[in-house]
Amino acid sequence: MRKFFFLVFILSSVFAVQSQELNALITINADKVQSSNKQVYETLQKSLTEFINEKQWTNKNFKEQERINCAFTIIINEQNGNNFSGSLQIQSTRPVYNSTYASPILNLNDTNFNFRYNEFDPLIFNPTTYDSNLISTIAFYVYVILGVDADTFALNGGTAYLKQAENAMLQAQSNGETGWQNAVGKQNRFALIDNLLSSKFSGLRSIYYNYHRKGFDNFTDNKKTAKEIVEQNVIALEKLHNITIGNYMIRVFLDAKGDEIVNVFADERPTNNQQKMIDVLESIAPTYKDKWKKIQ
C-alpha cells in the first residue's frame, strides 16, 4: 500500500511538472545600484523564477519538451527604498520541426519598468484584480509569449492568451501605472497588445504562422520551397509598413527575426524574389541596412 501511494505521488509530481508552460531563465542585474542589501535581488530572482515556471498559466498540459524556452532580464537602474525602476528584456524561442534549431520569436525591451517590492512578499496573480505593477507586467509578458508562440503553430492560435495579456493591461491601466497608457507614438505595453489584437494588423499574425509553420518547419523536407515561403512572408511585411509608417510591430518582428533572416539567405544561391525581399527590408527597417547587406 505504501508503494502504491508513493507511485501515485511520483506520477502526480511528473504531471504537475508537465502541466507548466514556460521554462524561463530570470536574471536581475543591479550593478548600477549602490545598495547595502543585495540579498533582495537574489530573493526577487528566486521568487520570479518560481512564479513564472511553477504557475499553470493555461488549462492545457504541456510535456516537459513542449515548455517554451524564454528569458526575462531585469536591469535595475534605481532603487529608493522598496521602489525600483529599470528595464525588462523578454526573449523567447520556438523549436523547429525535425531540427535542433530554436527559432527566436520575441526580443522585446521594455524600458519603463517601475515596481514596488518588499522582500519575501508572495507573488500571486489574480486575473480579475490588480495587485502590483510587478505582477501585472510579468503576467502580461507571460501571456504575450504564450500568445505569439501559439500563433506560430496555428493561425491565430494565440488569441485566448493575447486576450489574457489585454486583460492584465486593462487592470494595470485602470490603476494609472506608467507603461500601460494609450499615448500617441508610445511603443509600450498598451501599443504592443493593442496592435497584436487589432484587425488592422491581423496580417502580422498570419506572417508569424506562415513563416514558421509553413516555412521553417518544412526546411528539412524541402529547403527550397521553405525558403521561398519565408521570403514571401518577409516581403508581406511591406503591406503592414504601408498601413502605418514606422509601425511598432514590424520592429517587434524584425528585432527577433533579423539575424535569422540574414542567416537563411546569406552565402547561398539567391531565391527568385530575394532582391525584392532585400529592397523591402531596407525600406521598412533602414536602421538594419548594414545587416541586410549581408544577404547580397
C-alpha atoms as a PDB file:
ATOM      1  CA  MET A   1       0.000   0.000   0.000  1.00  0.00           C
ATOM      2  CA  ARG A   2       2.838   2.406   0.852  1.00  0.00           C
ATOM      3  CA  LYS A   3       4.425   1.610  -2.525  1.00  0.00           C
ATOM      4  CA  PHE A   4       1.115   2.392  -4.249  1.00  0.00           C
ATOM      5  CA  PHE A   5       0.840   5.825  -2.617  1.00  0.00           C
ATOM      6  CA  PHE A   6       4.493   6.514  -3.364  1.00  0.00           C
ATOM      7  CA  LEU A   7       3.871   5.667  -7.032  1.00  0.00           C
ATOM      8  CA  VAL A   8       0.813   7.943  -7.095  1.00  0.00           C
ATOM      9  CA  PHE A   9       2.895  10.739  -5.579  1.00  0.00           C
ATOM     10  CA  ILE A  10       5.639  10.307  -8.183  1.00  0.00           C
ATOM     11  CA  LEU A  11       3.149  10.282 -11.066  1.00  0.00           C
ATOM     12  CA  SER A  12       1.376  13.328  -9.662  1.00  0.00           C
ATOM     13  CA  SER A  13       4.681  15.150  -9.433  1.00  0.00           C
ATOM     14  CA  VAL A  14       5.503  14.288 -13.040  1.00  0.00           C
ATOM     15  CA  PHE A  15       2.160  15.525 -14.334  1.00  0.00           C
ATOM     16  CA  ALA A  16       2.422  18.659 -12.213  1.00  0.00           C
ATOM     17  CA  VAL A  17       5.741  19.475 -13.803  1.00  0.00           C
ATOM     18  CA  GLN A  18       4.432  18.653 -17.277  1.00  0.00           C
ATOM     19  CA  SER A  19       1.472  20.991 -16.862  1.00  0.00           C
ATOM     20  CA  GLN A  20       3.641  24.082 -16.632  1.00  0.00           C
ATOM     21  CA  GLU A  21       4.060  26.044 -19.836  1.00  0.00           C
ATOM     22  CA  LEU A  22       7.283  28.008 -19.513  1.00  0.00           C
ATOM     23  CA  ASN A  23      10.923  27.217 -18.971  1.00  0.00           C
ATOM     24  CA  ALA A  24      12.095  30.711 -18.082  1.00  0.00           C
ATOM     25  CA  LEU A  25      15.516  31.968 -17.096  1.00  0.00           C
ATOM     26  CA  ILE A  26      15.256  35.009 -14.817  1.00  0.00           C
ATOM     27  CA  THR A  27      18.211  37.357 -14.430  1.00  0.00           C
ATOM     28  CA  ILE A  28      18.364  40.507 -12.315  1.00  0.00           C
ATOM     29  CA  ASN A  29      21.230  42.918 -12.864  1.00  0.00           C
ATOM     30  CA  ALA A  30      21.549  45.588 -10.174  1.00  0.00           C
ATOM     31  CA  ASP A  31      25.153  46.640 -10.832  1.00  0.00           C
ATOM     32  CA  LYS A  32      24.078  50.259 -11.271  1.00  0.00           C
ATOM     33  CA  VAL A  33      22.564  50.412  -7.788  1.00  0.00           C
ATOM     34  CA  GLN A  34      24.565  51.201  -4.693  1.00  0.00           C
ATOM     35  CA  SER A  35      22.752  49.192  -2.045  1.00  0.00           C
ATOM     36  CA  SER A  36      23.735  47.564   1.201  1.00  0.00           C
ATOM     37  CA  ASN A  37      21.101  44.864   0.725  1.00  0.00           C
ATOM     38  CA  LYS A  38      21.952  42.866  -2.377  1.00  0.00           C
ATOM     39  CA  GLN A  39      20.057  39.901  -0.965  1.00  0.00           C
ATOM     40  CA  VAL A  40      16.749  41.449  -2.014  1.00  0.00           C
ATOM     41  CA  TYR A  41      17.676  40.940  -5.680  1.00  0.00           C
ATOM     42  CA  GLU A  42      18.508  37.292  -5.132  1.00  0.00           C
ATOM     43  CA  THR A  43      15.211  36.824  -3.317  1.00  0.00           C
ATOM     44  CA  LEU A  44      13.291  38.554  -6.089  1.00  0.00           C
ATOM     45  CA  GLN A  45      15.034  36.493  -8.765  1.00  0.00           C
ATOM     46  CA  LYS A  46      14.185  33.255  -6.970  1.00  0.00           C
ATOM     47  CA  SER A  47      10.578  34.338  -6.397  1.00  0.00           C
ATOM     48  CA  LEU A  48      10.090  35.330 -10.022  1.00  0.00           C
ATOM     49  CA  THR A  49      11.610  32.072 -11.239  1.00  0.00           C
ATOM     50  CA  GLU A  50       9.140  30.107  -9.144  1.00  0.00           C
ATOM     51  CA  PHE A  51       6.247  32.406 -10.052  1.00  0.00           C
ATOM     52  CA  ILE A  52       6.761  32.091 -13.802  1.00  0.00           C
ATOM     53  CA  ASN A  53       7.862  28.467 -14.054  1.00  0.00           C
ATOM     54  CA  GLU A  54       5.693  26.800 -11.427  1.00  0.00           C
ATOM     55  CA  LYS A  55       2.381  28.531 -12.036  1.00  0.00           C
ATOM     56  CA  GLN A  56      -0.034  26.960 -14.508  1.00  0.00           C
ATOM     57  CA  TRP A  57      -0.967  29.818 -16.851  1.00  0.00           C
ATOM     58  CA  THR A  58      -3.327  27.907 -19.128  1.00  0.00           C
ATOM     59  CA  ASN A  59      -5.737  24.984 -18.943  1.00  0.00           C
ATOM     60  CA  LYS A  60      -3.520  22.864 -21.154  1.00  0.00           C
ATOM     61  CA  ASN A  61      -0.965  20.272 -20.115  1.00  0.00           C
ATOM     62  CA  PHE A  62       2.495  20.802 -21.571  1.00  0.00           C
ATOM     63  CA  LYS A  63       5.002  17.975 -21.715  1.00  0.00           C
ATOM     64  CA  GLU A  64       8.470  18.812 -20.483  1.00  0.00           C
ATOM     65  CA  GLN A  65       9.825  19.079 -24.038  1.00  0.00           C
ATOM     66  CA  GLU A  66       6.923  21.331 -25.025  1.00  0.00           C
ATOM     67  CA  ARG A  67       7.655  24.037 -22.497  1.00  0.00           C
ATOM     68  CA  ILE A  68       8.528  27.368 -24.058  1.00  0.00           C
ATOM     69  CA  ASN A  69      12.114  28.442 -23.510  1.00  0.00           C
ATOM     70  CA  CYS A  70      12.254  32.119 -22.630  1.00  0.00           C
ATOM     71  CA  ALA A  71      14.220  34.656 -20.630  1.00  0.00           C
ATOM     72  CA  PHE A  72      13.343  37.688 -18.508  1.00  0.00           C
ATOM     73  CA  THR A  73      16.255  40.035 -17.851  1.00  0.00           C
ATOM     74  CA  ILE A  74      15.629  42.853 -15.383  1.00  0.00           C
ATOM     75  CA  ILE A  75      18.149  45.689 -15.210  1.00  0.00           C
ATOM     76  CA  ILE A  76      17.676  47.860 -12.142  1.00  0.00           C
ATOM     77  CA  ASN A  77      18.728  51.469 -12.684  1.00  0.00           C
ATOM     78  CA  GLU A  78      17.480  52.981  -9.439  1.00  0.00           C
ATOM     79  CA  GLN A  79      16.251  51.870  -6.042  1.00  0.00           C
ATOM     80  CA  ASN A  80      14.529  54.068  -3.497  1.00  0.00           C
ATOM     81  CA  GLY A  81      13.526  52.007  -0.504  1.00  0.00           C
ATOM     82  CA  ASN A  82      11.100  49.408  -1.825  1.00  0.00           C
ATOM     83  CA  ASN A  83      10.630  51.197  -5.146  1.00  0.00           C
ATOM     84  CA  PHE A  84      12.618  50.029  -8.160  1.00  0.00           C
ATOM     85  CA  SER A  85      12.962  51.353 -11.690  1.00  0.00           C
ATOM     86  CA  GLY A  86      14.744  49.942 -14.694  1.00  0.00           C
ATOM     87  CA  SER A  87      14.148  47.941 -17.840  1.00  0.00           C
ATOM     88  CA  LEU A  88      12.921  44.478 -18.728  1.00  0.00           C
ATOM     89  CA  GLN A  89      14.034  42.410 -21.710  1.00  0.00           C
ATOM     90  CA  ILE A  90      11.878  39.490 -22.799  1.00  0.00           C
ATOM     91  CA  GLN A  91      13.061  36.803 -25.186  1.00  0.00           C
ATOM     92  CA  SER A  92      11.509  33.550 -26.329  1.00  0.00           C
ATOM     93  CA  THR A  93      12.262  30.821 -28.858  1.00  0.00           C
ATOM     94  CA  ARG A  94      10.361  28.088 -30.632  1.00  0.00           C
ATOM     95  CA  PRO A  95      11.697  24.691 -31.784  1.00  0.00           C
ATOM     96  CA  VAL A  96      11.704  23.935 -35.495  1.00  0.00           C
ATOM     97  CA  TYR A  97      10.297  20.541 -36.529  1.00  0.00           C
ATOM     98  CA  ASN A  98      12.814  17.787 -37.277  1.00  0.00           C
ATOM     99  CA  SER A  99      15.648  20.042 -36.166  1.00  0.00           C
ATOM    100  CA  THR A 100      17.683  21.035 -33.140  1.00  0.00           C
ATOM    101  CA  TYR A 101      17.323  24.683 -34.146  1.00  0.00           C
ATOM    102  CA  ALA A 102      15.387  27.101 -31.921  1.00  0.00           C
ATOM    103  CA  SER A 103      13.867  30.000 -33.837  1.00  0.00           C
ATOM    104  CA  PRO A 104      13.753  33.345 -31.969  1.00  0.00           C
ATOM    105  CA  ILE A 105      10.165  34.564 -31.607  1.00  0.00           C
ATOM    106  CA  LEU A 106      10.321  37.583 -29.314  1.00  0.00           C
ATOM    107  CA  ASN A 107      13.054  40.021 -28.362  1.00  0.00           C
ATOM    108  CA  LEU A 108      11.303  42.843 -26.531  1.00  0.00           C
ATOM    109  CA  ASN A 109      12.869  45.620 -24.497  1.00  0.00           C
ATOM    110  CA  ASP A 110      10.579  47.411 -22.037  1.00  0.00           C
ATOM    111  CA  THR A 111      12.463  50.490 -20.844  1.00  0.00           C
ATOM    112  CA  ASN A 112       9.753  51.730 -18.472  1.00  0.00           C
ATOM    113  CA  PHE A 113       9.638  49.057 -15.793  1.00  0.00           C
ATOM    114  CA  ASN A 114       8.872  50.535 -12.384  1.00  0.00           C
ATOM    115  CA  PHE A 115       7.636  48.471  -9.472  1.00  0.00           C
ATOM    116  CA  ARG A 116       7.380  48.202  -5.718  1.00  0.00           C
ATOM    117  CA  TYR A 117       8.634  45.085  -3.979  1.00  0.00           C
ATOM    118  CA  ASN A 118       9.034  44.110  -0.351  1.00  0.00           C
ATOM    119  CA  GLU A 119      11.422  41.243   0.153  1.00  0.00           C
ATOM    120  CA  PHE A 120       9.655  37.905   0.682  1.00  0.00           C
ATOM    121  CA  ASP A 121       6.296  39.283  -0.488  1.00  0.00           C
ATOM    122  CA  PRO A 122       4.384  36.423  -2.162  1.00  0.00           C
ATOM    123  CA  LEU A 123       3.844  36.810  -5.901  1.00  0.00           C
ATOM    124  CA  ILE A 124       0.269  35.824  -6.705  1.00  0.00           C
ATOM    125  CA  PHE A 125      -1.536  36.627  -9.935  1.00  0.00           C
ATOM    126  CA  ASN A 126      -5.318  37.003  -9.978  1.00  0.00           C
ATOM    127  CA  PRO A 127      -6.694  37.782 -13.454  1.00  0.00           C
ATOM    128  CA  THR A 128      -9.708  39.608 -12.006  1.00  0.00           C
ATOM    129  CA  THR A 129      -7.873  42.023  -9.712  1.00  0.00           C
ATOM    130  CA  TYR A 130      -4.827  44.272  -9.785  1.00  0.00           C
ATOM    131  CA  ASP A 131      -2.141  43.519  -7.198  1.00  0.00           C
ATOM    132  CA  SER A 132       1.045  45.278  -8.282  1.00  0.00           C
ATOM    133  CA  ASN A 133       2.865  46.579 -11.320  1.00  0.00           C
ATOM    134  CA  LEU A 134       5.483  43.847 -10.882  1.00  0.00           C
ATOM    135  CA  ILE A 135       2.954  41.025 -11.044  1.00  0.00           C
ATOM    136  CA  SER A 136       0.875  42.615 -13.821  1.00  0.00           C
ATOM    137  CA  THR A 137       3.907  43.285 -16.027  1.00  0.00           C
ATOM    138  CA  ILE A 138       5.312  39.781 -15.665  1.00  0.00           C
ATOM    139  CA  ALA A 139       1.890  38.168 -16.222  1.00  0.00           C
ATOM    140  CA  PHE A 140       1.329  40.410 -19.246  1.00  0.00           C
ATOM    141  CA  TYR A 141       4.540  39.281 -20.929  1.00  0.00           C
ATOM    142  CA  VAL A 142       3.927  35.631 -19.998  1.00  0.00           C
ATOM    143  CA  TYR A 143       0.665  35.751 -21.934  1.00  0.00           C
ATOM    144  CA  VAL A 144       2.277  37.618 -24.830  1.00  0.00           C
ATOM    145  CA  ILE A 145       4.898  34.842 -25.021  1.00  0.00           C
ATOM    146  CA  LEU A 146       2.192  32.176 -24.925  1.00  0.00           C
ATOM    147  CA  GLY A 147       0.060  34.006 -27.488  1.00  0.00           C
ATOM    148  CA  VAL A 148       2.718  34.713 -30.106  1.00  0.00           C
ATOM    149  CA  ASP A 149       4.184  31.226 -29.685  1.00  0.00           C
ATOM    150  CA  ALA A 150       0.758  29.663 -30.272  1.00  0.00           C
ATOM    151  CA  ASP A 151       0.297  31.867 -33.351  1.00  0.00           C
ATOM    152  CA  THR A 152       3.351  30.212 -34.921  1.00  0.00           C
ATOM    153  CA  PHE A 153       1.725  26.777 -34.661  1.00  0.00           C
ATOM    154  CA  ALA A 154      -1.860  27.615 -35.650  1.00  0.00           C
ATOM    155  CA  LEU A 155      -3.338  30.584 -37.478  1.00  0.00           C
ATOM    156  CA  ASN A 156      -4.496  32.997 -34.766  1.00  0.00           C
ATOM    157  CA  GLY A 157      -3.927  30.174 -32.284  1.00  0.00           C
ATOM    158  CA  GLY A 158      -2.821  32.548 -29.547  1.00  0.00           C
ATOM    159  CA  THR A 159      -5.912  34.754 -29.380  1.00  0.00           C
ATOM    160  CA  ALA A 160      -7.081  33.471 -25.993  1.00  0.00           C
ATOM    161  CA  TYR A 161      -3.665  34.135 -24.439  1.00  0.00           C
ATOM    162  CA  LEU A 162      -3.360  37.572 -26.025  1.00  0.00           C
ATOM    163  CA  LYS A 163      -6.787  38.404 -24.579  1.00  0.00           C
ATOM    164  CA  GLN A 164      -5.399  37.462 -21.167  1.00  0.00           C
ATOM    165  CA  ALA A 165      -2.497  39.845 -21.763  1.00  0.00           C
ATOM    166  CA  GLU A 166      -5.002  42.528 -22.733  1.00  0.00           C
ATOM    167  CA  ASN A 167      -6.906  41.915 -19.515  1.00  0.00           C
ATOM    168  CA  ALA A 168      -3.718  42.323 -17.472  1.00  0.00           C
ATOM    169  CA  MET A 169      -3.095  45.573 -19.342  1.00  0.00           C
ATOM    170  CA  LEU A 170      -6.594  46.894 -18.606  1.00  0.00           C
ATOM    171  CA  GLN A 171      -6.304  46.018 -14.914  1.00  0.00           C
ATOM    172  CA  ALA A 172      -2.998  47.881 -14.608  1.00  0.00           C
ATOM    173  CA  GLN A 173      -4.131  50.752 -16.817  1.00  0.00           C
ATOM    174  CA  SER A 174      -7.122  51.406 -14.563  1.00  0.00           C
ATOM    175  CA  ASN A 175      -4.699  51.883 -11.670  1.00  0.00           C
ATOM    176  CA  GLY A 176      -2.780  54.591 -13.508  1.00  0.00           C
ATOM    177  CA  GLU A 177       0.503  52.747 -13.805  1.00  0.00           C
ATOM    178  CA  THR A 178       3.011  54.023 -16.366  1.00  0.00           C
ATOM    179  CA  GLY A 179       3.794  51.901 -19.401  1.00  0.00           C
ATOM    180  CA  TRP A 180       0.162  50.907 -19.866  1.00  0.00           C
ATOM    181  CA  GLN A 181      -1.417  54.114 -21.120  1.00  0.00           C
ATOM    182  CA  ASN A 182      -2.733  54.794 -24.614  1.00  0.00           C
ATOM    183  CA  ALA A 183      -0.399  57.554 -25.768  1.00  0.00           C
ATOM    184  CA  VAL A 184       0.238  58.549 -29.370  1.00  0.00           C
ATOM    185  CA  GLY A 185       3.670  57.456 -30.542  1.00  0.00           C
ATOM    186  CA  LYS A 186       4.435  55.411 -27.423  1.00  0.00           C
ATOM    187  CA  GLN A 187       5.805  51.947 -28.050  1.00  0.00           C
ATOM    188  CA  ASN A 188       4.696  50.496 -24.751  1.00  0.00           C
ATOM    189  CA  ARG A 189       2.668  47.574 -23.390  1.00  0.00           C
ATOM    190  CA  PHE A 190      -0.613  49.100 -24.486  1.00  0.00           C
ATOM    191  CA  ALA A 191       0.652  49.552 -28.046  1.00  0.00           C
ATOM    192  CA  LEU A 192       2.030  46.017 -28.154  1.00  0.00           C
ATOM    193  CA  ILE A 193      -1.158  44.191 -27.191  1.00  0.00           C
ATOM    194  CA  ASP A 194      -3.438  46.652 -28.971  1.00  0.00           C
ATOM    195  CA  ASN A 195      -1.610  46.045 -32.247  1.00  0.00           C
ATOM    196  CA  LEU A 196      -1.401  42.281 -31.788  1.00  0.00           C
ATOM    197  CA  LEU A 197      -5.180  42.086 -31.359  1.00  0.00           C
ATOM    198  CA  SER A 198      -6.069  44.756 -33.908  1.00  0.00           C
ATOM    199  CA  SER A 199      -7.733  43.631 -37.149  1.00  0.00           C
ATOM    200  CA  LYS A 200      -5.729  46.395 -38.801  1.00  0.00           C
ATOM    201  CA  PHE A 201      -2.552  44.387 -38.262  1.00  0.00           C
ATOM    202  CA  SER A 202      -4.016  40.892 -38.495  1.00  0.00           C
ATOM    203  CA  GLY A 203      -1.616  40.242 -41.355  1.00  0.00           C
ATOM    204  CA  LEU A 204       1.266  40.081 -38.899  1.00  0.00           C
ATOM    205  CA  ARG A 205      -0.227  37.117 -37.104  1.00  0.00           C
ATOM    206  CA  SER A 206      -0.656  35.348 -40.446  1.00  0.00           C
ATOM    207  CA  ILE A 207       3.004  36.054 -41.147  1.00  0.00           C
ATOM    208  CA  TYR A 208       4.014  34.538 -37.799  1.00  0.00           C
ATOM    209  CA  TYR A 209       2.112  31.372 -38.718  1.00  0.00           C
ATOM    210  CA  ASN A 210       3.158  31.030 -42.364  1.00  0.00           C
ATOM    211  CA  TYR A 211       6.793  31.975 -41.734  1.00  0.00           C
ATOM    212  CA  HIS A 212       7.205  29.303 -39.058  1.00  0.00           C
ATOM    213  CA  ARG A 213       4.683  26.534 -39.670  1.00  0.00           C
ATOM    214  CA  LYS A 214       4.748  26.527 -43.482  1.00  0.00           C
ATOM    215  CA  GLY A 215       8.291  27.810 -43.849  1.00  0.00           C
ATOM    216  CA  PHE A 216      10.757  26.836 -41.149  1.00  0.00           C
ATOM    217  CA  ASP A 217       9.004  23.629 -40.117  1.00  0.00           C
ATOM    218  CA  ASN A 218       9.466  22.305 -43.672  1.00  0.00           C
ATOM    219  CA  PHE A 219      13.145  23.118 -44.134  1.00  0.00           C
ATOM    220  CA  THR A 220      14.194  19.505 -43.638  1.00  0.00           C
ATOM    221  CA  ASP A 221      11.712  18.148 -46.196  1.00  0.00           C
ATOM    222  CA  ASN A 222      12.049  20.817 -48.885  1.00  0.00           C
ATOM    223  CA  LYS A 223      14.525  23.588 -48.218  1.00  0.00           C
ATOM    224  CA  LYS A 224      13.933  25.432 -51.496  1.00  0.00           C
ATOM    225  CA  THR A 225      10.165  25.677 -51.024  1.00  0.00           C
ATOM    226  CA  ALA A 226      10.546  26.545 -47.336  1.00  0.00           C
ATOM    227  CA  LYS A 227      12.917  29.404 -48.155  1.00  0.00           C
ATOM    228  CA  GLU A 228      10.502  30.736 -50.755  1.00  0.00           C
ATOM    229  CA  ILE A 229       7.686  30.757 -48.191  1.00  0.00           C
ATOM    230  CA  VAL A 230       9.865  32.563 -45.670  1.00  0.00           C
ATOM    231  CA  GLU A 231      10.811  35.043 -48.379  1.00  0.00           C
ATOM    232  CA  GLN A 232       7.158  35.648 -49.315  1.00  0.00           C
ATOM    233  CA  ASN A 233       6.258  36.385 -45.717  1.00  0.00           C
ATOM    234  CA  VAL A 234       9.140  38.785 -45.198  1.00  0.00           C
ATOM    235  CA  ILE A 235       8.013  40.639 -48.327  1.00  0.00           C
ATOM    236  CA  ALA A 236       4.459  40.679 -46.907  1.00  0.00           C
ATOM    237  CA  LEU A 237       5.717  42.934 -44.100  1.00  0.00           C
ATOM    238  CA  GLU A 238       5.656  45.769 -46.641  1.00  0.00           C
ATOM    239  CA  LYS A 239       1.855  45.852 -46.525  1.00  0.00           C
ATOM    240  CA  LEU A 240       1.949  46.440 -42.773  1.00  0.00           C
ATOM    241  CA  HIS A 241       4.521  49.167 -43.220  1.00  0.00           C
ATOM    242  CA  ASN A 242       2.257  50.914 -45.702  1.00  0.00           C
ATOM    243  CA  ILE A 243      -0.584  50.937 -43.169  1.00  0.00           C
ATOM    244  CA  THR A 244       1.428  52.867 -40.596  1.00  0.00           C
ATOM    245  CA  ILE A 245       4.884  54.192 -41.352  1.00  0.00           C
ATOM    246  CA  GLY A 246       7.328  53.168 -38.660  1.00  0.00           C
ATOM    247  CA  ASN A 247       4.916  50.510 -37.406  1.00  0.00           C
ATOM    248  CA  TYR A 248       5.967  49.229 -33.998  1.00  0.00           C
ATOM    249  CA  MET A 249       5.010  45.662 -34.875  1.00  0.00           C
ATOM    250  CA  ILE A 250       7.459  45.469 -37.766  1.00  0.00           C
ATOM    251  CA  ARG A 251      10.171  46.394 -35.308  1.00  0.00           C
ATOM    252  CA  VAL A 252       8.913  43.721 -32.887  1.00  0.00           C
ATOM    253  CA  PHE A 253       9.095  41.107 -35.640  1.00  0.00           C
ATOM    254  CA  LEU A 254      12.490  42.098 -37.021  1.00  0.00           C
ATOM    255  CA  ASP A 255      14.146  42.652 -33.629  1.00  0.00           C
ATOM    256  CA  ALA A 256      13.652  38.928 -33.132  1.00  0.00           C
ATOM    257  CA  LYS A 257      13.992  37.663 -36.683  1.00  0.00           C
ATOM    258  CA  GLY A 258      16.563  39.968 -38.331  1.00  0.00           C
ATOM    259  CA  ASP A 259      19.656  37.822 -37.780  1.00  0.00           C
ATOM    260  CA  GLU A 260      17.730  34.687 -38.616  1.00  0.00           C
ATOM    261  CA  ILE A 261      16.617  36.097 -41.983  1.00  0.00           C
ATOM    262  CA  VAL A 262      20.193  37.034 -42.802  1.00  0.00           C
ATOM    263  CA  ASN A 263      21.470  33.575 -41.845  1.00  0.00           C
ATOM    264  CA  VAL A 264      18.879  31.857 -44.041  1.00  0.00           C
ATOM    265  CA  PHE A 265      19.552  33.863 -47.180  1.00  0.00           C
ATOM    266  CA  ALA A 266      23.249  34.784 -46.966  1.00  0.00           C
ATOM    267  CA  ASP A 267      26.013  32.865 -48.785  1.00  0.00           C
ATOM    268  CA  GLU A 268      23.723  30.754 -50.954  1.00  0.00           C
ATOM    269  CA  ARG A 269      22.208  30.861 -54.424  1.00  0.00           C
ATOM    270  CA  PRO A 270      19.645  33.710 -54.476  1.00  0.00           C
ATOM    271  CA  THR A 271      15.964  32.825 -54.449  1.00  0.00           C
ATOM    272  CA  ASN A 272      13.665  34.158 -57.155  1.00  0.00           C
ATOM    273  CA  ASN A 273      12.490  37.196 -55.218  1.00  0.00           C
ATOM    274  CA  GLN A 274      15.483  37.734 -52.969  1.00  0.00           C
ATOM    275  CA  GLN A 275      16.294  41.195 -54.293  1.00  0.00           C
ATOM    276  CA  LYS A 276      12.690  42.229 -53.795  1.00  0.00           C
ATOM    277  CA  MET A 277      12.915  40.977 -50.214  1.00  0.00           C
ATOM    278  CA  ILE A 278      16.124  42.941 -49.630  1.00  0.00           C
ATOM    279  CA  ASP A 279      14.520  46.088 -51.061  1.00  0.00           C
ATOM    280  CA  VAL A 280      11.550  45.659 -48.723  1.00  0.00           C
ATOM    281  CA  LEU A 281      13.779  45.114 -45.694  1.00  0.00           C
ATOM    282  CA  GLU A 282      15.852  48.204 -46.485  1.00  0.00           C
ATOM    283  CA  SER A 283      12.661  50.212 -46.880  1.00  0.00           C
ATOM    284  CA  ILE A 284      10.836  49.096 -43.737  1.00  0.00           C
ATOM    285  CA  ALA A 285      13.887  48.730 -41.466  1.00  0.00           C
ATOM    286  CA  PRO A 286      16.595  51.119 -42.702  1.00  0.00           C
ATOM    287  CA  THR A 287      18.379  51.115 -39.334  1.00  0.00           C
ATOM    288  CA  TYR A 288      19.325  47.497 -40.082  1.00  0.00           C
ATOM    289  CA  LYS A 289      20.714  48.362 -43.525  1.00  0.00           C
ATOM    290  CA  ASP A 290      24.182  47.018 -42.730  1.00  0.00           C
ATOM    291  CA  LYS A 291      22.593  43.762 -41.652  1.00  0.00           C
ATOM    292  CA  TRP A 292      20.610  43.410 -44.879  1.00  0.00           C
ATOM    293  CA  LYS A 293      23.767  43.960 -46.950  1.00  0.00           C
ATOM    294  CA  LYS A 294      24.996  40.576 -45.709  1.00  0.00           C
ATOM    295  CA  ILE A 295      22.269  38.874 -47.731  1.00  0.00           C
ATOM    296  CA  GLN A 296      23.567  40.191 -51.056  1.00  0.00           C
END
